[in-house]
Amino acid sequence: MELKTRIWMNGNLEWFAYIDGEPVFLGTREVPYPLREGDRWTNGNGDVFQVVGGEVRAVK
């Protein structure tokens, strides 16, 4: 699977992604790596994310 969402990790080992053109905190150790289709997780802030169609999406 090719991931279409731009993601990165900073020096504090925190994962971020551009979702709808905005940088969004994905989490730290709770982010599955490597990301695969269907992966779903909740970050420390209670935000839920899922990989759908090769993109990381915020789940409401």
Protein backbone atom coordinates (compact mmCIF):
# COMPACT_ATOMS: atom_id res chain seq x y z
CA MET A 1 0.00 0.00 0.00
CA GLU A 2 1.24 3.45 -0.85
CA LEU A 3 0.52 5.99 1.88
CA LYS A 4 -0.84 9.18 0.33
CA THR A 5 -0.69 11.27 3.52
CA ARG A 6 2.55 13.08 4.37
CA ILE A 7 3.65 11.99 7.85
CA TRP A 8 6.74 12.74 9.92
CA MET A 9 8.23 12.22 13.36
CA ASN A 10 9.87 15.02 15.34
CA GLY A 11 12.82 14.79 17.73
CA ASN A 12 10.49 13.96 20.64
CA LEU A 13 9.28 10.83 18.79
CA GLU A 14 5.84 12.36 18.16
CA TRP A 15 4.07 11.56 14.88
CA PHE A 16 2.37 14.26 12.80
CA ALA A 17 0.52 14.32 9.48
CA TYR A 18 -1.00 16.85 7.13
CA ILE A 19 -4.75 16.23 7.19
CA ASP A 20 -6.85 18.65 5.13
CA GLY A 21 -3.75 20.84 4.72
CA GLU A 22 -3.20 21.27 8.46
CA PRO A 23 -0.52 19.62 10.62
CA VAL A 24 -2.19 17.21 13.07
CA PHE A 25 -0.68 15.38 16.05
CA LEU A 26 -1.18 11.63 15.50
CA GLY A 27 0.37 10.40 18.72
CA THR A 28 3.55 8.79 20.00
CA ARG A 29 3.95 5.08 20.73
CA GLU A 30 0.28 4.36 19.99
CA VAL A 31 0.77 5.02 16.26
CA PRO A 32 1.19 1.64 14.51
CA TYR A 33 4.31 1.44 12.37
CA PRO A 34 4.46 0.67 9.55
CA LEU A 35 0.99 1.99 8.78
CA ARG A 36 -1.28 -0.44 6.94
CA GLU A 37 -4.74 -0.17 5.42
CA GLY A 38 -7.38 -0.35 8.16
CA ASP A 39 -5.04 0.51 11.07
CA ARG A 40 -6.89 2.51 13.72
CA TRP A 41 -5.60 4.14 16.91
CA THR A 42 -6.41 6.74 19.56
CA ASN A 43 -3.76 9.28 20.56
CA GLY A 44 -3.16 10.63 24.07
CA ASN A 45 -5.58 13.52 23.41
CA GLY A 46 -8.44 11.11 22.64
CA ASP A 47 -8.40 11.79 18.88
CA VAL A 48 -9.08 8.71 16.72
CA PHE A 49 -7.37 8.09 13.38
CA GLN A 50 -7.66 5.39 10.72
CA VAL A 51 -5.90 4.56 7.47
CA VAL A 52 -8.55 4.44 4.71
CA GLY A 53 -7.76 4.28 1.01
CA GLY A 54 -4.07 4.91 1.73
CA GLU A 55 -4.79 8.13 3.65
CA VAL A 56 -4.67 8.87 7.37
CA ARG A 57 -8.07 10.25 8.35
CA ALA A 58 -9.46 11.65 11.57
CA VAL A 59 -12.44 9.58 12.71
CA LYS A 60 -15.23 11.46 14.43
